[in-house]
Amino acid sequence: MTQSGAVGGWESWEWDETLYAGAASHYVRGRVPYAPALAAVLAETLALDGHGRLLDAGCGPGVITLRLAHLFEQVIGLDPDEGMLAEAARLAAERGVTNATWVQHRAEDLPAGLGRFRMVAFAASFHWMDRPIVARAVRSMIEPEGAVVQIDAPAGRGVRPNRALPNPSPPDAEIDALRLRYLGPDRRAGRGIRNTSADGEDDVFRAAGFAPAQTVIVPDGRTLERTADDVVAGVFSMSYTAPHLFGERIDAFEADLRALLAAASPTGSFSVYLPDNLLNIWRVAG
């Protein structure tokens, strides 16, 4: 990363191995799900038919790797976090997915002898990487008819709908205020601070030799019912509220968080309206 960005900006932030320390066990429960049609839309758009290989770069606990495994002969989930990969392997065994391999590397280490792929996926991960280096690396790994796909994930939050929901929405503003009380005004990211996030992905991939992005919308619009335990897991699944950041104060933070949630919904139930997923797809230029 360069050192030219504003204080606390993404340009000056440097990755370290504590970024998601302690978050892996909370991730699948805490993050809201992708749209049901995600795999079907990708299969139709990219003519995926059970052949070829998938690389999921920055795979976390393998949510996308496992979701798309049936569309490929082999899927590889790559992540630098040992805890995330252990959770991915556990989930693969639990779900009977036998064509998945888990590799502990940063994406900046690619191609890392992994070979060529029909599809490389970045699901809520590309913004954490040295993007020009990674884009150039995956350009050399894509098969001629293959593609890179960035999946815009709903992460831990939904969006506000124009209709009433059965239960209160999670009190996101109050949760953020509680984070500020415990961790201060800056967004923590591992041992550093990162108050902004990168954008302009199309420029990055085009500079690496890809054609302009094709954008595909995967519709959702479901209402997801969440318990207080789900919301707590969602908070601890985020980099800026990962468990390690609280140190010895983690029990106090969780107690305050649960009290906040109880005040927001005495029944302990919350409703989240799920937004559409957005796919940006890059193919190798001419």
C-alpha atoms as a PDB file:
ATOM      1  CA  MET A   1       0.000   0.000   0.000  1.00  0.00           C
ATOM      2  CA  THR A   2       1.115   3.554  -0.591  1.00  0.00           C
ATOM      3  CA  GLN A   3       1.654   5.992   2.207  1.00  0.00           C
ATOM      4  CA  SER A   4       0.004   8.935   0.444  1.00  0.00           C
ATOM      5  CA  GLY A   5      -3.571   8.608   1.728  1.00  0.00           C
ATOM      6  CA  ALA A   6      -5.326  10.604   4.408  1.00  0.00           C
ATOM      7  CA  VAL A   7      -4.765   9.619   8.025  1.00  0.00           C
ATOM      8  CA  GLY A   8      -6.717   6.434   8.621  1.00  0.00           C
ATOM      9  CA  GLY A   9      -7.494   6.011   4.930  1.00  0.00           C
ATOM     10  CA  TRP A  10      -7.259   2.769   2.990  1.00  0.00           C
ATOM     11  CA  GLU A  11      -4.220   4.017   1.052  1.00  0.00           C
ATOM     12  CA  SER A  12      -1.980   4.009   4.123  1.00  0.00           C
ATOM     13  CA  TRP A  13      -3.402   0.925   5.862  1.00  0.00           C
ATOM     14  CA  GLU A  14      -1.265  -2.232   5.963  1.00  0.00           C
ATOM     15  CA  TRP A  15      -2.644  -5.723   6.360  1.00  0.00           C
ATOM     16  CA  ASP A  16      -1.741  -7.813   9.399  1.00  0.00           C
ATOM     17  CA  GLU A  17      -2.755 -11.276  10.496  1.00  0.00           C
ATOM     18  CA  THR A  18      -5.035 -10.082  13.314  1.00  0.00           C
ATOM     19  CA  LEU A  19      -7.548  -8.465  10.926  1.00  0.00           C
ATOM     20  CA  TYR A  20     -10.268 -11.043  11.569  1.00  0.00           C
ATOM     21  CA  ALA A  21      -8.797 -12.715  14.657  1.00  0.00           C
ATOM     22  CA  GLY A  22     -11.555 -14.497  16.576  1.00  0.00           C
ATOM     23  CA  ALA A  23     -14.237 -13.715  13.979  1.00  0.00           C
ATOM     24  CA  ALA A  24     -14.373 -17.020  12.073  1.00  0.00           C
ATOM     25  CA  SER A  25     -16.784 -18.817  14.395  1.00  0.00           C
ATOM     26  CA  HIS A  26     -19.237 -15.895  14.206  1.00  0.00           C
ATOM     27  CA  TYR A  27     -19.116 -15.352  10.450  1.00  0.00           C
ATOM     28  CA  VAL A  28     -21.638 -17.750   8.954  1.00  0.00           C
ATOM     29  CA  ARG A  29     -24.252 -17.110  11.620  1.00  0.00           C
ATOM     30  CA  GLY A  30     -23.654 -13.381  11.744  1.00  0.00           C
ATOM     31  CA  ARG A  31     -23.458 -12.408   8.074  1.00  0.00           C
ATOM     32  CA  VAL A  32     -26.725 -12.187   6.192  1.00  0.00           C
ATOM     33  CA  PRO A  33     -26.999 -14.652   3.284  1.00  0.00           C
ATOM     34  CA  TYR A  34     -26.484 -14.141  -0.421  1.00  0.00           C
ATOM     35  CA  ALA A  35     -29.455 -14.145  -2.783  1.00  0.00           C
ATOM     36  CA  PRO A  36     -30.893 -17.636  -3.426  1.00  0.00           C
ATOM     37  CA  ALA A  37     -30.372 -17.371  -7.198  1.00  0.00           C
ATOM     38  CA  LEU A  38     -26.677 -16.433  -6.983  1.00  0.00           C
ATOM     39  CA  ALA A  39     -25.298 -19.772  -8.223  1.00  0.00           C
ATOM     40  CA  ALA A  40     -27.938 -20.119 -10.938  1.00  0.00           C
ATOM     41  CA  VAL A  41     -27.297 -16.604 -12.267  1.00  0.00           C
ATOM     42  CA  LEU A  42     -23.539 -17.186 -12.355  1.00  0.00           C
ATOM     43  CA  ALA A  43     -24.009 -20.548 -14.077  1.00  0.00           C
ATOM     44  CA  GLU A  44     -26.183 -18.980 -16.776  1.00  0.00           C
ATOM     45  CA  THR A  45     -24.035 -15.867 -17.248  1.00  0.00           C
ATOM     46  CA  LEU A  46     -20.713 -17.731 -17.451  1.00  0.00           C
ATOM     47  CA  ALA A  47     -21.977 -21.027 -18.914  1.00  0.00           C
ATOM     48  CA  LEU A  48     -20.716 -22.968 -15.908  1.00  0.00           C
ATOM     49  CA  ASP A  49     -21.401 -26.672 -16.343  1.00  0.00           C
ATOM     50  CA  GLY A  50     -19.484 -28.584 -13.692  1.00  0.00           C
ATOM     51  CA  HIS A  51     -16.135 -28.350 -15.468  1.00  0.00           C
ATOM     52  CA  GLY A  52     -13.086 -26.232 -14.755  1.00  0.00           C
ATOM     53  CA  ARG A  53     -11.794 -24.772 -11.513  1.00  0.00           C
ATOM     54  CA  LEU A  54     -12.819 -21.937  -9.187  1.00  0.00           C
ATOM     55  CA  LEU A  55     -10.481 -19.817  -7.079  1.00  0.00           C
ATOM     56  CA  ASP A  56     -12.198 -17.925  -4.261  1.00  0.00           C
ATOM     57  CA  ALA A  57      -9.641 -15.285  -3.240  1.00  0.00           C
ATOM     58  CA  GLY A  58     -10.101 -14.064   0.319  1.00  0.00           C
ATOM     59  CA  CYS A  59     -12.579 -16.863   0.926  1.00  0.00           C
ATOM     60  CA  GLY A  60     -13.034 -16.435   4.673  1.00  0.00           C
ATOM     61  CA  PRO A  61     -14.949 -19.466   5.973  1.00  0.00           C
ATOM     62  CA  GLY A  62     -15.724 -20.569   2.433  1.00  0.00           C
ATOM     63  CA  VAL A  63     -19.250 -19.227   2.046  1.00  0.00           C
ATOM     64  CA  ILE A  64     -18.935 -18.595  -1.709  1.00  0.00           C
ATOM     65  CA  THR A  65     -16.516 -21.491  -2.301  1.00  0.00           C
ATOM     66  CA  LEU A  66     -19.033 -23.969  -0.926  1.00  0.00           C
ATOM     67  CA  ARG A  67     -22.031 -22.244  -2.489  1.00  0.00           C
ATOM     68  CA  LEU A  68     -20.535 -22.619  -5.979  1.00  0.00           C
ATOM     69  CA  ALA A  69     -18.673 -25.933  -5.568  1.00  0.00           C
ATOM     70  CA  HIS A  70     -21.215 -27.932  -7.598  1.00  0.00           C
ATOM     71  CA  LEU A  71     -20.539 -25.751 -10.659  1.00  0.00           C
ATOM     72  CA  PHE A  72     -16.870 -26.819 -10.939  1.00  0.00           C
ATOM     73  CA  GLU A  73     -14.655 -29.886 -10.911  1.00  0.00           C
ATOM     74  CA  GLN A  74     -12.486 -28.340  -8.216  1.00  0.00           C
ATOM     75  CA  VAL A  75     -12.779 -25.280  -5.998  1.00  0.00           C
ATOM     76  CA  ILE A  76      -9.939 -23.656  -4.072  1.00  0.00           C
ATOM     77  CA  GLY A  77     -10.516 -21.258  -1.202  1.00  0.00           C
ATOM     78  CA  LEU A  78      -7.562 -19.011  -0.478  1.00  0.00           C
ATOM     79  CA  ASP A  79      -7.259 -16.898   2.664  1.00  0.00           C
ATOM     80  CA  PRO A  80      -4.450 -15.750   4.979  1.00  0.00           C
ATOM     81  CA  ASP A  81      -6.464 -16.407   8.160  1.00  0.00           C
ATOM     82  CA  GLU A  82      -5.903 -19.860   9.651  1.00  0.00           C
ATOM     83  CA  GLY A  83      -9.088 -19.670  11.710  1.00  0.00           C
ATOM     84  CA  MET A  84     -11.201 -18.867   8.669  1.00  0.00           C
ATOM     85  CA  LEU A  85      -9.767 -21.812   6.731  1.00  0.00           C
ATOM     86  CA  ALA A  86     -10.349 -24.178   9.643  1.00  0.00           C
ATOM     87  CA  GLU A  87     -13.986 -23.084   9.743  1.00  0.00           C
ATOM     88  CA  ALA A  88     -14.236 -23.513   5.955  1.00  0.00           C
ATOM     89  CA  ALA A  89     -12.891 -27.068   6.177  1.00  0.00           C
ATOM     90  CA  ARG A  90     -15.335 -27.858   8.990  1.00  0.00           C
ATOM     91  CA  LEU A  91     -18.280 -26.547   6.973  1.00  0.00           C
ATOM     92  CA  ALA A  92     -17.183 -28.456   3.856  1.00  0.00           C
ATOM     93  CA  ALA A  93     -17.108 -31.711   5.829  1.00  0.00           C
ATOM     94  CA  GLU A  94     -20.456 -30.918   7.441  1.00  0.00           C
ATOM     95  CA  ARG A  95     -22.055 -30.277   4.037  1.00  0.00           C
ATOM     96  CA  GLY A  96     -20.402 -33.181   2.247  1.00  0.00           C
ATOM     97  CA  VAL A  97     -18.468 -30.997  -0.206  1.00  0.00           C
ATOM     98  CA  THR A  98     -15.553 -33.139  -1.388  1.00  0.00           C
ATOM     99  CA  ASN A  99     -14.058 -31.082  -4.231  1.00  0.00           C
ATOM    100  CA  ALA A 100     -12.819 -28.164  -2.102  1.00  0.00           C
ATOM    101  CA  THR A 101      -9.204 -27.426  -1.150  1.00  0.00           C
ATOM    102  CA  TRP A 102      -8.141 -24.738   1.323  1.00  0.00           C
ATOM    103  CA  VAL A 103      -4.888 -22.781   0.872  1.00  0.00           C
ATOM    104  CA  GLN A 104      -3.392 -20.363   3.392  1.00  0.00           C
ATOM    105  CA  HIS A 105      -1.932 -17.484   1.399  1.00  0.00           C
ATOM    106  CA  ARG A 106      -2.500 -13.815   0.883  1.00  0.00           C
ATOM    107  CA  ALA A 107      -3.846 -12.972  -2.566  1.00  0.00           C
ATOM    108  CA  GLU A 108      -0.691 -10.929  -3.103  1.00  0.00           C
ATOM    109  CA  ASP A 109       1.196 -14.271  -3.178  1.00  0.00           C
ATOM    110  CA  LEU A 110      -0.648 -15.385  -6.322  1.00  0.00           C
ATOM    111  CA  PRO A 111      -0.247 -17.208  -8.619  1.00  0.00           C
ATOM    112  CA  ALA A 112       1.398 -19.367  -5.909  1.00  0.00           C
ATOM    113  CA  GLY A 113       1.632 -22.382  -8.209  1.00  0.00           C
ATOM    114  CA  LEU A 114      -2.139 -22.883  -8.175  1.00  0.00           C
ATOM    115  CA  GLY A 115      -2.584 -23.125 -11.945  1.00  0.00           C
ATOM    116  CA  ARG A 116      -5.343 -21.744 -14.130  1.00  0.00           C
ATOM    117  CA  PHE A 117      -9.010 -21.181 -13.407  1.00  0.00           C
ATOM    118  CA  ARG A 118     -12.295 -20.813 -15.200  1.00  0.00           C
ATOM    119  CA  MET A 119     -13.445 -18.305 -12.578  1.00  0.00           C
ATOM    120  CA  VAL A 120     -11.778 -16.244  -9.851  1.00  0.00           C
ATOM    121  CA  ALA A 121     -14.145 -14.829  -7.239  1.00  0.00           C
ATOM    122  CA  PHE A 122     -13.717 -11.912  -4.863  1.00  0.00           C
ATOM    123  CA  ALA A 123     -16.598 -11.767  -2.379  1.00  0.00           C
ATOM    124  CA  ALA A 124     -16.246  -8.793  -0.025  1.00  0.00           C
ATOM    125  CA  SER A 125     -12.470  -9.282  -0.149  1.00  0.00           C
ATOM    126  CA  PHE A 126     -10.818  -7.317  -2.983  1.00  0.00           C
ATOM    127  CA  HIS A 127     -10.822  -4.048  -1.018  1.00  0.00           C
ATOM    128  CA  TRP A 128      -8.471  -5.614   1.552  1.00  0.00           C
ATOM    129  CA  MET A 129      -5.813  -6.410  -1.059  1.00  0.00           C
ATOM    130  CA  ASP A 130      -3.082  -4.612  -2.961  1.00  0.00           C
ATOM    131  CA  ARG A 131      -5.450  -4.496  -5.880  1.00  0.00           C
ATOM    132  CA  PRO A 132      -3.144  -3.767  -8.867  1.00  0.00           C
ATOM    133  CA  ILE A 133      -0.785  -6.584  -7.834  1.00  0.00           C
ATOM    134  CA  VAL A 134      -3.639  -9.048  -7.354  1.00  0.00           C
ATOM    135  CA  ALA A 135      -5.447  -8.058 -10.574  1.00  0.00           C
ATOM    136  CA  ARG A 136      -2.281  -8.605 -12.615  1.00  0.00           C
ATOM    137  CA  ALA A 137      -1.704 -11.954 -10.931  1.00  0.00           C
ATOM    138  CA  VAL A 138      -5.192 -13.291 -11.632  1.00  0.00           C
ATOM    139  CA  ARG A 139      -4.961 -12.033 -15.223  1.00  0.00           C
ATOM    140  CA  SER A 140      -2.236 -14.652 -15.719  1.00  0.00           C
ATOM    141  CA  MET A 141      -4.366 -17.348 -14.081  1.00  0.00           C
ATOM    142  CA  ILE A 142      -7.630 -16.979 -16.006  1.00  0.00           C
ATOM    143  CA  GLU A 143      -8.411 -19.425 -18.792  1.00  0.00           C
ATOM    144  CA  PRO A 144      -9.150 -17.802 -22.189  1.00  0.00           C
ATOM    145  CA  GLU A 145     -12.927 -18.080 -21.729  1.00  0.00           C
ATOM    146  CA  GLY A 146     -12.821 -17.494 -17.997  1.00  0.00           C
ATOM    147  CA  ALA A 147     -13.808 -14.519 -15.853  1.00  0.00           C
ATOM    148  CA  VAL A 148     -13.143 -12.654 -12.638  1.00  0.00           C
ATOM    149  CA  VAL A 149     -16.265 -11.979 -10.577  1.00  0.00           C
ATOM    150  CA  GLN A 150     -16.603  -9.492  -7.751  1.00  0.00           C
ATOM    151  CA  ILE A 151     -19.637 -10.266  -5.605  1.00  0.00           C
ATOM    152  CA  ASP A 152     -21.031  -7.306  -3.723  1.00  0.00           C
ATOM    153  CA  ALA A 153     -22.119  -8.881  -0.467  1.00  0.00           C
ATOM    154  CA  PRO A 154     -24.846  -7.598   1.879  1.00  0.00           C
ATOM    155  CA  ALA A 155     -22.450  -8.330   4.794  1.00  0.00           C
ATOM    156  CA  GLY A 156     -24.096  -7.935   8.193  1.00  0.00           C
ATOM    157  CA  ARG A 157     -26.799  -5.444   7.337  1.00  0.00           C
ATOM    158  CA  GLY A 158     -29.830  -5.217   5.126  1.00  0.00           C
ATOM    159  CA  VAL A 159     -31.388  -2.065   3.729  1.00  0.00           C
ATOM    160  CA  ARG A 160     -34.423  -0.085   4.815  1.00  0.00           C
ATOM    161  CA  PRO A 161     -37.456  -1.156   2.774  1.00  0.00           C
ATOM    162  CA  ASN A 162     -40.431   0.987   1.813  1.00  0.00           C
ATOM    163  CA  ARG A 163     -42.763  -1.281   3.730  1.00  0.00           C
ATOM    164  CA  ALA A 164     -43.301  -2.300   7.316  1.00  0.00           C
ATOM    165  CA  LEU A 165     -41.335  -5.255   8.652  1.00  0.00           C
ATOM    166  CA  PRO A 166     -42.675  -7.804  11.146  1.00  0.00           C
ATOM    167  CA  ASN A 167     -40.107  -6.853  13.793  1.00  0.00           C
ATOM    168  CA  PRO A 168     -37.768  -3.936  14.487  1.00  0.00           C
ATOM    169  CA  SER A 169     -34.632  -3.635  12.373  1.00  0.00           C
ATOM    170  CA  PRO A 170     -31.343  -4.118  14.233  1.00  0.00           C
ATOM    171  CA  PRO A 171     -30.378  -0.773  15.831  1.00  0.00           C
ATOM    172  CA  ASP A 172     -27.319  -0.193  13.627  1.00  0.00           C
ATOM    173  CA  ALA A 173     -26.727   3.416  14.665  1.00  0.00           C
ATOM    174  CA  GLU A 174     -26.825   2.550  18.364  1.00  0.00           C
ATOM    175  CA  ILE A 175     -24.531  -0.436  17.822  1.00  0.00           C
ATOM    176  CA  ASP A 176     -22.048   1.839  16.056  1.00  0.00           C
ATOM    177  CA  ALA A 177     -22.239   4.328  18.915  1.00  0.00           C
ATOM    178  CA  LEU A 178     -21.422   1.490  21.318  1.00  0.00           C
ATOM    179  CA  ARG A 179     -18.413   0.571  19.164  1.00  0.00           C
ATOM    180  CA  LEU A 180     -17.208   4.172  19.373  1.00  0.00           C
ATOM    181  CA  ARG A 181     -17.550   4.101  23.148  1.00  0.00           C
ATOM    182  CA  TYR A 182     -15.324   1.045  23.445  1.00  0.00           C
ATOM    183  CA  LEU A 183     -12.895   1.432  20.549  1.00  0.00           C
ATOM    184  CA  GLY A 184     -12.760   5.154  19.833  1.00  0.00           C
ATOM    185  CA  PRO A 185     -13.645   7.280  16.800  1.00  0.00           C
ATOM    186  CA  ASP A 186     -11.528   5.438  14.227  1.00  0.00           C
ATOM    187  CA  ARG A 187     -12.423   2.152  12.551  1.00  0.00           C
ATOM    188  CA  ARG A 188      -9.932  -0.425  13.719  1.00  0.00           C
ATOM    189  CA  ALA A 189      -8.590  -2.945  11.191  1.00  0.00           C
ATOM    190  CA  GLY A 190      -6.151  -5.419  12.673  1.00  0.00           C
ATOM    191  CA  ARG A 191      -3.426  -3.419  14.417  1.00  0.00           C
ATOM    192  CA  GLY A 192      -4.119  -0.385  12.250  1.00  0.00           C
ATOM    193  CA  ILE A 193      -6.891   2.066  11.429  1.00  0.00           C
ATOM    194  CA  ARG A 194      -8.923   2.164   8.252  1.00  0.00           C
ATOM    195  CA  ASN A 195     -11.671   4.754   8.007  1.00  0.00           C
ATOM    196  CA  THR A 196     -12.193   4.548   4.233  1.00  0.00           C
ATOM    197  CA  SER A 197     -12.439   1.802   1.638  1.00  0.00           C
ATOM    198  CA  ALA A 198     -11.143   1.505  -1.898  1.00  0.00           C
ATOM    199  CA  ASP A 199     -13.317   1.823  -4.991  1.00  0.00           C
ATOM    200  CA  GLY A 200     -12.774   2.118  -8.761  1.00  0.00           C
ATOM    201  CA  GLU A 201     -12.342  -1.617  -9.273  1.00  0.00           C
ATOM    202  CA  ASP A 202     -13.137  -1.413 -12.989  1.00  0.00           C
ATOM    203  CA  ASP A 203     -10.156   0.879 -13.566  1.00  0.00           C
ATOM    204  CA  VAL A 204      -7.911  -1.518 -11.643  1.00  0.00           C
ATOM    205  CA  PHE A 205      -8.939  -4.560 -13.683  1.00  0.00           C
ATOM    206  CA  ARG A 206      -8.847  -2.726 -17.009  1.00  0.00           C
ATOM    207  CA  ALA A 207      -5.304  -1.568 -16.244  1.00  0.00           C
ATOM    208  CA  ALA A 208      -4.417  -5.238 -15.636  1.00  0.00           C
ATOM    209  CA  GLY A 209      -5.643  -6.303 -19.088  1.00  0.00           C
ATOM    210  CA  PHE A 210      -9.345  -6.993 -18.635  1.00  0.00           C
ATOM    211  CA  ALA A 211     -12.269  -5.702 -20.672  1.00  0.00           C
ATOM    212  CA  PRO A 212     -14.757  -3.305 -19.012  1.00  0.00           C
ATOM    213  CA  ALA A 213     -16.975  -4.889 -16.379  1.00  0.00           C
ATOM    214  CA  GLN A 214     -20.294  -6.505 -17.122  1.00  0.00           C
ATOM    215  CA  THR A 215     -22.714  -5.831 -14.282  1.00  0.00           C
ATOM    216  CA  VAL A 216     -25.375  -8.387 -13.376  1.00  0.00           C
ATOM    217  CA  ILE A 217     -27.984  -7.994 -10.635  1.00  0.00           C
ATOM    218  CA  VAL A 218     -29.090 -11.028  -8.627  1.00  0.00           C
ATOM    219  CA  PRO A 219     -32.468 -10.126  -7.101  1.00  0.00           C
ATOM    220  CA  ASP A 220     -33.279 -10.757  -3.478  1.00  0.00           C
ATOM    221  CA  GLY A 221     -35.784  -8.716  -1.449  1.00  0.00           C
ATOM    222  CA  ARG A 222     -36.441 -11.349   1.209  1.00  0.00           C
ATOM    223  CA  THR A 223     -37.176 -10.459   4.826  1.00  0.00           C
ATOM    224  CA  LEU A 224     -34.812 -12.305   7.146  1.00  0.00           C
ATOM    225  CA  GLU A 225     -35.750 -12.896  10.754  1.00  0.00           C
ATOM    226  CA  ARG A 226     -32.829 -12.564  13.166  1.00  0.00           C
ATOM    227  CA  THR A 227     -32.395 -13.321  16.850  1.00  0.00           C
ATOM    228  CA  ALA A 228     -30.314 -11.276  19.251  1.00  0.00           C
ATOM    229  CA  ASP A 229     -27.683 -14.042  19.093  1.00  0.00           C
ATOM    230  CA  ASP A 230     -27.561 -13.638  15.298  1.00  0.00           C
ATOM    231  CA  VAL A 231     -27.048  -9.882  15.598  1.00  0.00           C
ATOM    232  CA  VAL A 232     -24.302 -10.334  18.198  1.00  0.00           C
ATOM    233  CA  ALA A 233     -22.565 -12.813  15.886  1.00  0.00           C
ATOM    234  CA  GLY A 234     -22.862 -10.281  13.073  1.00  0.00           C
ATOM    235  CA  VAL A 235     -21.109  -7.637  15.131  1.00  0.00           C
ATOM    236  CA  PHE A 236     -18.245  -9.981  16.039  1.00  0.00           C
ATOM    237  CA  SER A 237     -17.903 -11.084  12.400  1.00  0.00           C
ATOM    238  CA  MET A 238     -16.871  -7.578  11.303  1.00  0.00           C
ATOM    239  CA  SER A 239     -13.246  -6.510  11.043  1.00  0.00           C
ATOM    240  CA  TYR A 240     -13.892  -3.280  12.963  1.00  0.00           C
ATOM    241  CA  THR A 241     -15.556  -5.125  15.864  1.00  0.00           C
ATOM    242  CA  ALA A 242     -13.601  -8.394  15.713  1.00  0.00           C
ATOM    243  CA  PRO A 243     -13.348 -10.017  19.166  1.00  0.00           C
ATOM    244  CA  HIS A 244      -9.618  -9.419  19.638  1.00  0.00           C
ATOM    245  CA  LEU A 245     -10.068  -5.638  19.495  1.00  0.00           C
ATOM    246  CA  PHE A 246     -11.859  -5.555  22.837  1.00  0.00           C
ATOM    247  CA  GLY A 247      -9.232  -7.434  24.843  1.00  0.00           C
ATOM    248  CA  GLU A 248     -10.326  -7.916  28.451  1.00  0.00           C
ATOM    249  CA  ARG A 249     -13.386  -5.709  27.868  1.00  0.00           C
ATOM    250  CA  ILE A 250     -15.091  -8.123  25.467  1.00  0.00           C
ATOM    251  CA  ASP A 251     -17.522  -9.499  28.072  1.00  0.00           C
ATOM    252  CA  ALA A 252     -18.522  -5.983  29.103  1.00  0.00           C
ATOM    253  CA  PHE A 253     -19.017  -4.982  25.464  1.00  0.00           C
ATOM    254  CA  GLU A 254     -21.176  -8.029  24.770  1.00  0.00           C
ATOM    255  CA  ALA A 255     -23.277  -7.382  27.884  1.00  0.00           C
ATOM    256  CA  ASP A 256     -23.871  -3.772  26.809  1.00  0.00           C
ATOM    257  CA  LEU A 257     -24.640  -4.930  23.257  1.00  0.00           C
ATOM    258  CA  ARG A 258     -27.212  -7.434  24.469  1.00  0.00           C
ATOM    259  CA  ALA A 259     -28.823  -4.827  26.737  1.00  0.00           C
ATOM    260  CA  LEU A 260     -29.061  -2.476  23.761  1.00  0.00           C
ATOM    261  CA  LEU A 261     -30.697  -5.197  21.651  1.00  0.00           C
ATOM    262  CA  ALA A 262     -33.162  -6.086  24.412  1.00  0.00           C
ATOM    263  CA  ALA A 263     -34.233  -2.441  24.610  1.00  0.00           C
ATOM    264  CA  ALA A 264     -34.650  -2.273  20.821  1.00  0.00           C
ATOM    265  CA  SER A 265     -36.775  -5.434  20.629  1.00  0.00           C
ATOM    266  CA  PRO A 266     -38.206  -6.847  23.869  1.00  0.00           C
ATOM    267  CA  THR A 267     -39.184 -10.036  22.004  1.00  0.00           C
ATOM    268  CA  GLY A 268     -35.571 -10.567  20.932  1.00  0.00           C
ATOM    269  CA  SER A 269     -36.550 -10.728  17.253  1.00  0.00           C
ATOM    270  CA  PHE A 270     -35.355  -8.473  14.438  1.00  0.00           C
ATOM    271  CA  SER A 271     -36.261  -8.222  10.757  1.00  0.00           C
ATOM    272  CA  VAL A 272     -33.752  -7.477   7.989  1.00  0.00           C
ATOM    273  CA  TYR A 273     -34.723  -6.678   4.412  1.00  0.00           C
ATOM    274  CA  LEU A 274     -32.126  -8.222   2.115  1.00  0.00           C
ATOM    275  CA  PRO A 275     -30.812  -6.187  -0.820  1.00  0.00           C
ATOM    276  CA  ASP A 276     -30.068  -7.503  -4.285  1.00  0.00           C
ATOM    277  CA  ASN A 277     -26.569  -8.839  -4.927  1.00  0.00           C
ATOM    278  CA  LEU A 278     -24.438  -7.084  -7.525  1.00  0.00           C
ATOM    279  CA  LEU A 279     -21.976  -8.992  -9.713  1.00  0.00           C
ATOM    280  CA  ASN A 280     -19.180  -7.223 -11.577  1.00  0.00           C
ATOM    281  CA  ILE A 281     -17.670  -9.557 -14.166  1.00  0.00           C
ATOM    282  CA  TRP A 282     -14.372  -9.008 -15.992  1.00  0.00           C
ATOM    283  CA  ARG A 283     -13.170 -11.064 -18.940  1.00  0.00           C
ATOM    284  CA  VAL A 284      -9.725 -10.887 -20.510  1.00  0.00           C
ATOM    285  CA  ALA A 285      -9.494  -8.081 -23.054  1.00  0.00           C
ATOM    286  CA  GLY A 286      -9.326  -8.879 -26.801  1.00  0.00           C
END
